[in-house]
Every structure is written in C-alpha cells, then in structure tokens.
Amino acid sequence: MAKSGPKDRKKVNSSQDYELSHVATKMKVSIQQVVGAKRATGSNDRAVIESYIAGKRK
C-alpha cells in the first residue's frame, strides 16, 4: 500500500480522475485545463497548478 498523508495531499495525480475533478471543480475550469497546467508547469504540486490557472485568468 502506498503511503499517504500531508505530503500526498499537496500533489495532483493525473491517473486519479477524482483528484483532477476536485481541482477542476475548485478552480471552476475543465479537467483538460488542469492537465494542461500540470504539463505547462512541469509540477504536480497543487498550489503551483492552482496559481498557474489563476494567473492565466487575468
């Protein structure tokens, strides 16, 4: 079984649809935009992805 905890909660796993859906719903964007932000930033850190998406809105 994989370890989970505070560090794991700060990451977005692309293979888990519910994680992508959660971030997409929270940011009011599509799942494709979340995946695109993840690719563009090269990071799976939730805060980095959310700040990238927020920056694109402006």
N, C-alpha and C. Protein backbone atom coordinates (compact mmCIF):
# COMPACT_ATOMS: atom_id res chain seq x y z
N MET A 1 0.85 -1.19 0.00
CA MET A 1 0.00 0.00 0.00
C MET A 1 0.89 1.24 0.00
N ALA A 2 0.51 2.21 -0.78
CA ALA A 2 1.28 3.44 -0.88
C ALA A 2 1.07 4.30 0.37
N LYS A 3 2.10 5.02 0.70
CA LYS A 3 1.99 5.92 1.84
C LYS A 3 1.18 7.14 1.43
N SER A 4 0.39 7.62 2.32
CA SER A 4 -0.37 8.84 2.07
C SER A 4 -0.30 9.70 3.33
N GLY A 5 -0.62 10.92 3.16
CA GLY A 5 -0.56 11.82 4.30
C GLY A 5 -0.46 13.24 3.82
N PRO A 6 0.03 14.14 4.64
CA PRO A 6 0.08 15.55 4.29
C PRO A 6 0.84 15.84 3.00
N LYS A 7 1.98 15.18 2.77
CA LYS A 7 2.74 15.42 1.54
C LYS A 7 1.94 14.98 0.32
N ASP A 8 1.26 13.85 0.41
CA ASP A 8 0.49 13.32 -0.69
C ASP A 8 -0.71 14.21 -1.02
N ARG A 9 -1.24 14.88 -0.04
CA ARG A 9 -2.42 15.72 -0.26
C ARG A 9 -2.08 17.00 -1.03
N LYS A 10 -0.82 17.34 -1.09
CA LYS A 10 -0.40 18.55 -1.79
C LYS A 10 -0.10 18.28 -3.26
N LYS A 11 -0.27 17.05 -3.71
CA LYS A 11 0.04 16.66 -5.08
C LYS A 11 -1.24 16.33 -5.84
N VAL A 12 -1.17 16.49 -7.16
CA VAL A 12 -2.29 16.13 -8.03
C VAL A 12 -1.81 14.96 -8.89
N ASN A 13 -2.46 13.82 -8.75
CA ASN A 13 -2.10 12.63 -9.50
C ASN A 13 -3.00 12.55 -10.74
N SER A 14 -2.40 12.63 -11.92
CA SER A 14 -3.17 12.63 -13.17
C SER A 14 -3.90 11.32 -13.42
N SER A 15 -3.43 10.26 -12.84
CA SER A 15 -4.09 8.97 -13.07
C SER A 15 -5.31 8.79 -12.17
N GLN A 16 -5.55 9.73 -11.27
CA GLN A 16 -6.71 9.66 -10.39
C GLN A 16 -7.73 10.71 -10.83
N ASP A 17 -8.80 10.25 -11.48
CA ASP A 17 -9.81 11.16 -12.01
C ASP A 17 -10.42 12.05 -10.93
N TYR A 18 -10.62 11.50 -9.74
CA TYR A 18 -11.25 12.29 -8.68
C TYR A 18 -10.36 13.46 -8.24
N GLU A 19 -9.05 13.29 -8.30
CA GLU A 19 -8.16 14.40 -7.94
C GLU A 19 -8.22 15.51 -8.98
N LEU A 20 -8.21 15.12 -10.26
CA LEU A 20 -8.33 16.12 -11.33
C LEU A 20 -9.67 16.82 -11.25
N SER A 21 -10.72 16.05 -11.01
CA SER A 21 -12.06 16.62 -10.92
C SER A 21 -12.18 17.59 -9.74
N HIS A 22 -11.57 17.25 -8.63
CA HIS A 22 -11.62 18.11 -7.44
C HIS A 22 -10.98 19.47 -7.72
N VAL A 23 -9.78 19.45 -8.31
CA VAL A 23 -9.08 20.70 -8.60
C VAL A 23 -9.85 21.49 -9.65
N ALA A 24 -10.36 20.80 -10.67
CA ALA A 24 -11.12 21.48 -11.73
C ALA A 24 -12.38 22.14 -11.17
N THR A 25 -13.07 21.45 -10.31
CA THR A 25 -14.29 21.99 -9.70
C THR A 25 -13.95 23.17 -8.80
N LYS A 26 -12.90 23.04 -8.02
CA LYS A 26 -12.48 24.11 -7.10
C LYS A 26 -12.12 25.37 -7.86
N MET A 27 -11.42 25.21 -8.99
CA MET A 27 -10.96 26.36 -9.78
C MET A 27 -11.98 26.80 -10.83
N LYS A 28 -13.07 26.04 -10.97
CA LYS A 28 -14.11 26.32 -11.96
C LYS A 28 -13.55 26.34 -13.38
N VAL A 29 -12.76 25.29 -13.68
CA VAL A 29 -12.19 25.10 -15.01
C VAL A 29 -12.42 23.65 -15.42
N SER A 30 -12.03 23.30 -16.64
CA SER A 30 -12.18 21.93 -17.10
C SER A 30 -11.01 21.08 -16.63
N ILE A 31 -11.21 19.79 -16.69
CA ILE A 31 -10.14 18.85 -16.33
C ILE A 31 -8.98 19.01 -17.30
N GLN A 32 -9.28 19.27 -18.57
CA GLN A 32 -8.23 19.45 -19.57
C GLN A 32 -7.34 20.64 -19.22
N GLN A 33 -7.92 21.69 -18.66
CA GLN A 33 -7.13 22.85 -18.26
C GLN A 33 -6.21 22.51 -17.09
N VAL A 34 -6.66 21.66 -16.19
CA VAL A 34 -5.83 21.24 -15.07
C VAL A 34 -4.66 20.40 -15.59
N VAL A 35 -4.94 19.49 -16.50
CA VAL A 35 -3.88 18.65 -17.08
C VAL A 35 -2.90 19.53 -17.86
N GLY A 36 -3.43 20.51 -18.61
CA GLY A 36 -2.56 21.43 -19.34
C GLY A 36 -1.69 22.25 -18.42
N ALA A 37 -2.24 22.70 -17.31
CA ALA A 37 -1.46 23.46 -16.34
C ALA A 37 -0.38 22.60 -15.72
N LYS A 38 -0.70 21.35 -15.48
CA LYS A 38 0.28 20.43 -14.91
C LYS A 38 1.43 20.22 -15.88
N ARG A 39 1.11 20.07 -17.15
CA ARG A 39 2.15 19.90 -18.18
C ARG A 39 2.97 21.19 -18.34
N ALA A 40 2.29 22.33 -18.35
CA ALA A 40 2.97 23.61 -18.57
C ALA A 40 3.94 23.94 -17.44
N THR A 41 3.54 23.62 -16.22
CA THR A 41 4.40 23.94 -15.08
C THR A 41 5.44 22.86 -14.81
N GLY A 42 5.17 21.65 -15.29
CA GLY A 42 6.08 20.55 -15.02
C GLY A 42 6.04 20.11 -13.57
N SER A 43 4.97 20.46 -12.90
CA SER A 43 4.86 20.16 -11.47
C SER A 43 3.53 19.47 -11.21
N ASN A 44 3.49 18.64 -10.19
CA ASN A 44 2.22 18.07 -9.77
C ASN A 44 1.81 18.62 -8.41
N ASP A 45 2.44 19.70 -7.99
CA ASP A 45 2.11 20.37 -6.74
C ASP A 45 0.81 21.15 -6.92
N ARG A 46 -0.14 20.90 -6.07
CA ARG A 46 -1.47 21.51 -6.19
C ARG A 46 -1.42 23.04 -6.17
N ALA A 47 -0.60 23.62 -5.31
CA ALA A 47 -0.51 25.08 -5.19
C ALA A 47 0.06 25.71 -6.46
N VAL A 48 1.05 25.07 -7.05
CA VAL A 48 1.66 25.57 -8.28
C VAL A 48 0.64 25.55 -9.42
N ILE A 49 -0.09 24.46 -9.53
CA ILE A 49 -1.09 24.33 -10.59
C ILE A 49 -2.20 25.36 -10.41
N GLU A 50 -2.67 25.53 -9.18
CA GLU A 50 -3.74 26.49 -8.93
C GLU A 50 -3.28 27.92 -9.19
N SER A 51 -2.05 28.26 -8.85
CA SER A 51 -1.57 29.61 -9.11
C SER A 51 -1.37 29.84 -10.61
N TYR A 52 -0.95 28.82 -11.34
CA TYR A 52 -0.81 28.93 -12.80
C TYR A 52 -2.17 29.20 -13.44
N ILE A 53 -3.18 28.44 -13.04
CA ILE A 53 -4.53 28.62 -13.59
C ILE A 53 -5.05 30.00 -13.24
N ALA A 54 -4.86 30.43 -12.00
CA ALA A 54 -5.32 31.75 -11.59
C ALA A 54 -4.62 32.85 -12.38
N GLY A 55 -3.35 32.67 -12.66
CA GLY A 55 -2.59 33.64 -13.44
C GLY A 55 -3.04 33.72 -14.89
N LYS A 56 -3.50 32.60 -15.44
CA LYS A 56 -3.98 32.57 -16.82
C LYS A 56 -5.32 33.30 -16.96
N ARG A 57 -6.08 33.37 -15.89
CA ARG A 57 -7.39 34.03 -15.93
C ARG A 57 -7.28 35.54 -16.08
N LYS A 58 -6.18 36.10 -15.58
CA LYS A 58 -6.02 37.56 -15.57
C LYS A 58 -5.66 38.09 -16.91
